[in-house]
Amino acid sequence: MATLKLALPKGSLQESTFALLKRAGWSCSCSSRSYVPSINDPEIAARLVRPQEIARYVSLGLLDAGLTGYDWIYENGADVVEVAELCYSKATSHPVRWVVAVPEASPIQKVEDLEGKRIATEAVGLTKRYLAEHGVHAEVEFSWGATEVKAPELVDAIVELTETGSSLRANHLRIIDTVLTSTTRLIANKEAWADPEKRAKLEQLAMLLSGALRAESKVLLKMNAKKGDVAAVASVLPALHAPTVNTLSDPSWVAIEAVVDESVVREILPKLKAAGAEGMIELALNKVVP
């Protein structure tokens, strides 16, 4: 088996990526000074790389595959295979956004008001394309960090990545537009994707990582009911397909189980009880693979 050279994001996304891999079946560990994580799979050689650089290195064939944001694929114009979209980020399971933000007191209200202004951002290419699409000419400078504190003293506006907007609000900035919405992607070099063994490994990664993410919002409900109450109980369960029903040692009783959204459990448990369900158990899930 050829070893898959896999880039994992170094920095803010590292912890959530390691946690996702753990739920998918791969244990990763790495010291704070190392860029070579250990992983419990001899078919994977993992490397920690800044997410801003992963797409470029994968495109060049220096790495077979990697986990990085769509924003950095777009920023680098990387010619890669997008194997899977994985909706997770540093703090949430929602997409992140690159937004245009200005000081609260700024007269700038819309993208056209940026004409002739100075903008700081880490995503220079993305920002220039956005401005060109709107016919706006502005000076875009690369920001090495702490971008939020540069407006209004150093720049008129910033283009910054946000999940919740809390950091922008804390720095008295308001959002005037969204430049790009991004999610994490599992990407592959085209030659690696054409290799049958590496492609099989990538498809395994995609299936199990997607299954782990899908399981985050779902639980397994198990319960018993009399045969005569099965239809009533099943009508309450919003299962993925249909609940599983198995006969118990007492032929007049059955065991019922179904995967449901965790968010509905508190609403449906009383209804299940009223429909005749007994001995209800709620179990967490590691993976859900359709």
Protein backbone atom coordinates (compact mmCIF):
# COMPACT_ATOMS: atom_id res chain seq x y z
CA MET A 1 0.00 0.00 0.00
CA ALA A 2 1.37 3.44 -0.98
CA THR A 3 1.55 5.87 1.93
CA LEU A 4 -0.83 8.82 1.69
CA LYS A 5 0.91 12.11 2.53
CA LEU A 6 -1.84 14.01 4.34
CA ALA A 7 -1.66 17.65 5.44
CA LEU A 8 -3.56 18.60 8.58
CA PRO A 9 -4.15 22.27 9.43
CA LYS A 10 -1.75 23.83 11.91
CA GLY A 11 -3.23 26.52 14.15
CA SER A 12 -6.79 27.34 15.14
CA LEU A 13 -8.33 24.42 13.23
CA GLN A 14 -5.85 21.84 14.56
CA GLU A 15 -7.68 20.85 17.74
CA SER A 16 -11.08 20.43 16.09
CA THR A 17 -9.47 18.46 13.22
CA PHE A 18 -7.77 16.06 15.63
CA ALA A 19 -11.08 15.63 17.49
CA LEU A 20 -12.93 14.89 14.24
CA LEU A 21 -10.30 12.36 13.18
CA LYS A 22 -10.63 10.69 16.59
CA ARG A 23 -14.39 10.26 16.15
CA ALA A 24 -13.79 8.92 12.65
CA GLY A 25 -11.34 6.29 13.97
CA TRP A 26 -7.90 7.89 13.68
CA SER A 27 -5.98 8.96 16.78
CA CYS A 28 -3.54 11.82 16.21
CA SER A 29 -1.12 13.35 18.67
CA CYS A 30 1.61 15.92 18.31
CA SER A 31 3.88 17.88 20.63
CA SER A 32 3.65 21.65 20.55
CA ARG A 33 7.04 21.90 18.80
CA SER A 34 6.51 19.18 16.20
CA TYR A 35 5.00 19.36 12.75
CA VAL A 36 4.86 15.57 12.29
CA PRO A 37 1.86 14.12 14.16
CA SER A 38 1.73 10.45 15.03
CA ILE A 39 -1.35 8.68 13.68
CA ASN A 40 -2.57 5.13 14.26
CA ASP A 41 -2.56 4.23 10.57
CA PRO A 42 0.60 3.05 8.78
CA GLU A 43 -0.97 3.99 5.44
CA ILE A 44 -1.05 7.72 6.36
CA ALA A 45 1.93 10.05 6.83
CA ALA A 46 0.50 13.18 8.46
CA ARG A 47 2.07 16.64 8.41
CA LEU A 48 0.97 19.84 10.10
CA VAL A 49 0.87 22.72 7.61
CA ARG A 50 -0.65 26.21 7.78
CA PRO A 51 -4.10 25.95 6.14
CA GLN A 52 -3.23 28.93 3.93
CA GLU A 53 -0.52 26.81 2.26
CA ILE A 54 -2.09 23.34 2.11
CA ALA A 55 -3.98 23.77 -1.18
CA ARG A 56 -0.86 25.07 -2.95
CA TYR A 57 1.34 22.19 -1.76
CA VAL A 58 -1.33 19.64 -2.69
CA SER A 59 -1.75 21.23 -6.12
CA LEU A 60 2.03 21.04 -6.68
CA GLY A 61 2.07 17.36 -5.72
CA LEU A 62 4.33 17.88 -2.69
CA LEU A 63 1.47 16.46 -0.60
CA ASP A 64 -1.12 13.92 -1.71
CA ALA A 65 -4.06 15.38 0.17
CA GLY A 66 -5.08 17.77 2.91
CA LEU A 67 -7.81 19.35 4.99
CA THR A 68 -8.18 23.06 4.35
CA GLY A 69 -10.80 25.71 3.77
CA TYR A 70 -12.42 26.42 0.43
CA ASP A 71 -11.31 30.03 0.95
CA TRP A 72 -7.64 29.05 0.67
CA ILE A 73 -8.31 26.87 -2.37
CA TYR A 74 -9.93 29.91 -3.97
CA GLU A 75 -7.25 32.32 -2.76
CA ASN A 76 -4.44 30.19 -4.23
CA GLY A 77 -6.31 29.24 -7.40
CA ALA A 78 -5.30 25.66 -6.56
CA ASP A 79 -6.04 22.99 -9.17
CA VAL A 80 -7.04 20.12 -6.87
CA VAL A 81 -9.73 17.48 -6.52
CA GLU A 82 -12.31 18.34 -3.85
CA VAL A 83 -13.02 14.92 -2.37
CA ALA A 84 -15.50 15.97 0.33
CA GLU A 85 -17.02 19.03 1.97
CA LEU A 86 -16.74 18.83 5.75
CA CYS A 87 -18.77 21.42 7.64
CA TYR A 88 -16.72 22.08 10.74
CA SER A 89 -14.56 24.97 11.94
CA LYS A 90 -12.74 26.14 15.05
CA ALA A 91 -15.77 26.85 17.21
CA THR A 92 -18.86 25.66 15.37
CA SER A 93 -20.15 23.22 12.78
CA HIS A 94 -21.24 26.07 10.51
CA PRO A 95 -19.52 27.67 7.51
CA VAL A 96 -17.18 30.60 8.13
CA ARG A 97 -17.32 33.90 6.25
CA TRP A 98 -14.85 36.39 4.89
CA VAL A 99 -16.51 39.76 5.44
CA VAL A 100 -15.85 43.41 4.77
CA ALA A 101 -15.89 45.28 8.07
CA VAL A 102 -15.50 48.98 8.87
CA PRO A 103 -15.42 51.01 12.09
CA GLU A 104 -18.84 51.58 13.62
CA ALA A 105 -18.60 55.34 13.01
CA SER A 106 -17.37 55.02 9.41
CA PRO A 107 -19.49 56.61 6.66
CA ILE A 108 -18.84 53.52 4.49
CA GLN A 109 -22.12 51.64 4.07
CA LYS A 110 -21.66 49.51 0.93
CA VAL A 111 -18.93 48.04 -1.23
CA GLU A 112 -19.06 50.96 -3.70
CA ASP A 113 -18.04 53.30 -0.86
CA LEU A 114 -14.65 51.53 -0.76
CA GLU A 115 -13.57 53.30 -3.95
CA GLY A 116 -10.08 54.74 -3.38
CA LYS A 117 -9.90 53.39 0.19
CA ARG A 118 -7.23 51.25 1.89
CA ILE A 119 -8.15 47.71 2.93
CA ALA A 120 -6.13 45.28 5.07
CA THR A 121 -6.56 41.52 4.80
CA GLU A 122 -4.75 38.22 4.85
CA ALA A 123 -6.68 37.12 1.74
CA VAL A 124 -5.37 39.63 -0.79
CA GLY A 125 -6.26 37.67 -3.93
CA LEU A 126 -9.77 36.93 -2.72
CA THR A 127 -10.34 40.59 -1.85
CA LYS A 128 -9.00 41.92 -5.16
CA ARG A 129 -11.29 39.57 -7.09
CA TYR A 130 -14.25 40.66 -4.99
CA LEU A 131 -13.54 44.35 -5.61
CA ALA A 132 -13.05 43.74 -9.35
CA GLU A 133 -16.43 41.99 -9.53
CA HIS A 134 -18.01 45.16 -8.11
CA GLY A 135 -15.97 47.55 -10.28
CA VAL A 136 -14.30 49.11 -7.23
CA HIS A 137 -10.69 50.31 -7.21
CA ALA A 138 -9.05 50.29 -3.78
CA GLU A 139 -5.63 49.67 -2.25
CA VAL A 140 -5.42 46.17 -0.76
CA GLU A 141 -2.53 45.43 1.58
CA PHE A 142 -1.51 42.15 3.19
CA SER A 143 -2.08 41.94 6.93
CA TRP A 144 0.25 39.79 9.01
CA GLY A 145 -2.25 39.54 11.84
CA ALA A 146 -4.29 41.55 14.37
CA THR A 147 -6.24 42.87 11.39
CA GLU A 148 -9.21 44.02 13.50
CA VAL A 149 -7.18 46.68 15.32
CA LYS A 150 -5.93 48.38 12.13
CA ALA A 151 -9.16 50.24 11.37
CA PRO A 152 -9.62 53.18 11.43
CA GLU A 153 -6.10 54.37 12.33
CA LEU A 154 -4.19 52.49 9.62
CA VAL A 155 -6.83 51.42 7.09
CA ASP A 156 -10.38 52.31 6.11
CA ALA A 157 -11.70 48.74 6.10
CA ILE A 158 -10.67 45.15 6.60
CA VAL A 159 -11.62 41.84 5.02
CA GLU A 160 -11.50 39.27 7.79
CA LEU A 161 -12.57 35.71 8.54
CA THR A 162 -15.35 35.31 11.09
CA GLU A 163 -17.46 32.52 12.55
CA THR A 164 -19.71 34.41 14.96
CA GLY A 165 -18.75 38.06 14.46
CA SER A 166 -17.94 38.46 18.17
CA SER A 167 -14.32 39.53 17.62
CA LEU A 168 -15.39 42.18 15.13
CA ARG A 169 -18.02 43.55 17.50
CA ALA A 170 -15.50 43.57 20.35
CA ASN A 171 -13.28 45.78 18.21
CA HIS A 172 -16.18 48.11 17.34
CA LEU A 173 -16.41 47.02 13.73
CA ARG A 174 -19.55 46.39 11.68
CA ILE A 175 -19.96 44.11 8.69
CA ILE A 176 -21.08 45.69 5.42
CA ASP A 177 -20.88 42.65 3.13
CA THR A 178 -19.86 39.00 2.82
CA VAL A 179 -17.03 38.33 0.38
CA LEU A 180 -17.00 34.51 0.52
CA THR A 181 -18.56 31.71 2.54
CA SER A 182 -16.20 28.81 3.22
CA THR A 183 -16.23 25.29 4.62
CA THR A 184 -13.44 22.81 5.22
CA ARG A 185 -12.67 20.48 2.31
CA LEU A 186 -10.76 17.24 1.96
CA ILE A 187 -8.70 17.84 -1.17
CA ALA A 188 -6.37 15.68 -3.23
CA ASN A 189 -3.65 16.08 -5.80
CA LYS A 190 -4.87 14.89 -9.21
CA GLU A 191 -2.13 12.27 -9.54
CA ALA A 192 -2.87 10.91 -6.07
CA TRP A 193 -6.57 10.76 -6.93
CA ALA A 194 -5.72 8.77 -10.06
CA ASP A 195 -3.76 6.22 -7.99
CA PRO A 196 -6.24 3.42 -7.10
CA GLU A 197 -4.74 2.73 -3.66
CA LYS A 198 -4.51 6.38 -2.63
CA ARG A 199 -7.98 7.08 -3.98
CA ALA A 200 -9.39 4.18 -1.94
CA LYS A 201 -7.75 5.64 1.18
CA LEU A 202 -9.14 9.09 0.41
CA GLU A 203 -12.62 7.70 -0.12
CA GLN A 204 -12.34 5.89 3.24
CA LEU A 205 -11.30 9.14 4.91
CA ALA A 206 -14.14 11.06 3.27
CA MET A 207 -16.78 8.50 4.25
CA LEU A 208 -15.73 8.21 7.89
CA LEU A 209 -15.06 11.93 8.45
CA SER A 210 -18.44 12.77 6.91
CA GLY A 211 -20.05 10.07 9.05
CA ALA A 212 -18.48 11.50 12.21
CA LEU A 213 -19.78 14.98 11.39
CA ARG A 214 -23.23 13.64 10.57
CA ALA A 215 -23.36 11.88 13.94
CA GLU A 216 -22.70 15.09 15.91
CA SER A 217 -26.33 16.17 15.74
CA LYS A 218 -27.93 12.73 16.06
CA VAL A 219 -28.57 10.12 18.75
CA LEU A 220 -29.84 6.56 18.88
CA LEU A 221 -33.12 6.05 20.71
CA LYS A 222 -33.93 2.54 21.97
CA MET A 223 -37.17 1.51 23.62
CA ASN A 224 -39.61 -1.35 24.12
CA ALA A 225 -43.30 -1.43 23.25
CA LYS A 226 -46.20 -3.86 22.95
CA LYS A 227 -46.80 -5.08 19.41
CA GLY A 228 -50.13 -3.33 19.34
CA ASP A 229 -48.45 0.02 20.01
CA VAL A 230 -45.74 -0.19 17.32
CA ALA A 231 -47.61 1.87 14.74
CA ALA A 232 -48.33 4.64 17.25
CA VAL A 233 -44.72 4.71 18.50
CA ALA A 234 -43.27 4.61 14.96
CA SER A 235 -45.44 7.55 13.91
CA VAL A 236 -43.69 9.73 16.50
CA LEU A 237 -40.14 8.77 15.46
CA PRO A 238 -38.56 10.98 12.76
CA ALA A 239 -36.07 8.25 11.81
CA LEU A 240 -33.57 8.43 8.93
CA HIS A 241 -35.61 5.82 7.08
CA ALA A 242 -37.85 3.69 9.30
CA PRO A 243 -37.30 2.47 12.86
CA THR A 244 -35.83 -0.96 13.46
CA VAL A 245 -38.26 -3.33 15.17
CA ASN A 246 -37.17 -6.65 16.71
CA THR A 247 -39.23 -9.24 18.57
CA LEU A 248 -38.27 -9.85 22.21
CA SER A 249 -38.33 -13.12 24.15
CA ASP A 250 -41.88 -12.22 25.11
CA PRO A 251 -43.61 -12.37 21.68
CA SER A 252 -46.11 -9.71 22.70
CA TRP A 253 -43.30 -7.12 23.04
CA VAL A 254 -40.80 -5.64 20.58
CA ALA A 255 -37.62 -3.58 20.77
CA ILE A 256 -37.63 -0.40 18.68
CA GLU A 257 -34.64 1.74 17.79
CA ALA A 258 -34.11 4.74 15.54
CA VAL A 259 -31.52 7.40 14.77
CA VAL A 260 -33.02 10.86 15.32
CA ASP A 261 -31.89 14.48 15.57
CA GLU A 262 -30.79 15.22 19.12
CA SER A 263 -32.64 18.53 18.97
CA VAL A 264 -36.04 16.80 18.82
CA VAL A 265 -35.51 14.29 21.64
CA ARG A 266 -36.86 16.46 24.43
CA GLU A 267 -40.04 17.04 22.42
CA ILE A 268 -40.70 13.46 21.34
CA LEU A 269 -39.89 11.52 24.55
CA PRO A 270 -43.18 12.46 26.24
CA LYS A 271 -45.04 11.63 23.00
CA LEU A 272 -43.32 8.25 22.77
CA LYS A 273 -44.24 7.52 26.38
CA ALA A 274 -47.85 8.43 25.67
CA ALA A 275 -47.82 6.20 22.56
CA GLY A 276 -46.80 3.19 24.66
CA ALA A 277 -42.99 3.19 24.62
CA GLU A 278 -41.19 1.99 27.75
CA GLY A 279 -37.57 1.65 28.86
CA MET A 280 -36.37 4.47 26.61
CA ILE A 281 -32.59 4.96 26.27
CA GLU A 282 -30.73 7.73 24.45
CA LEU A 283 -27.23 6.89 23.15
CA ALA A 284 -24.56 9.14 21.60
CA LEU A 285 -23.16 8.17 18.18
CA ASN A 286 -19.64 8.32 16.74
CA LYS A 287 -20.53 7.93 13.07
CA VAL A 288 -23.62 7.85 10.87
CA VAL A 289 -22.96 6.50 7.37
CA PRO A 290 -26.01 6.41 5.08
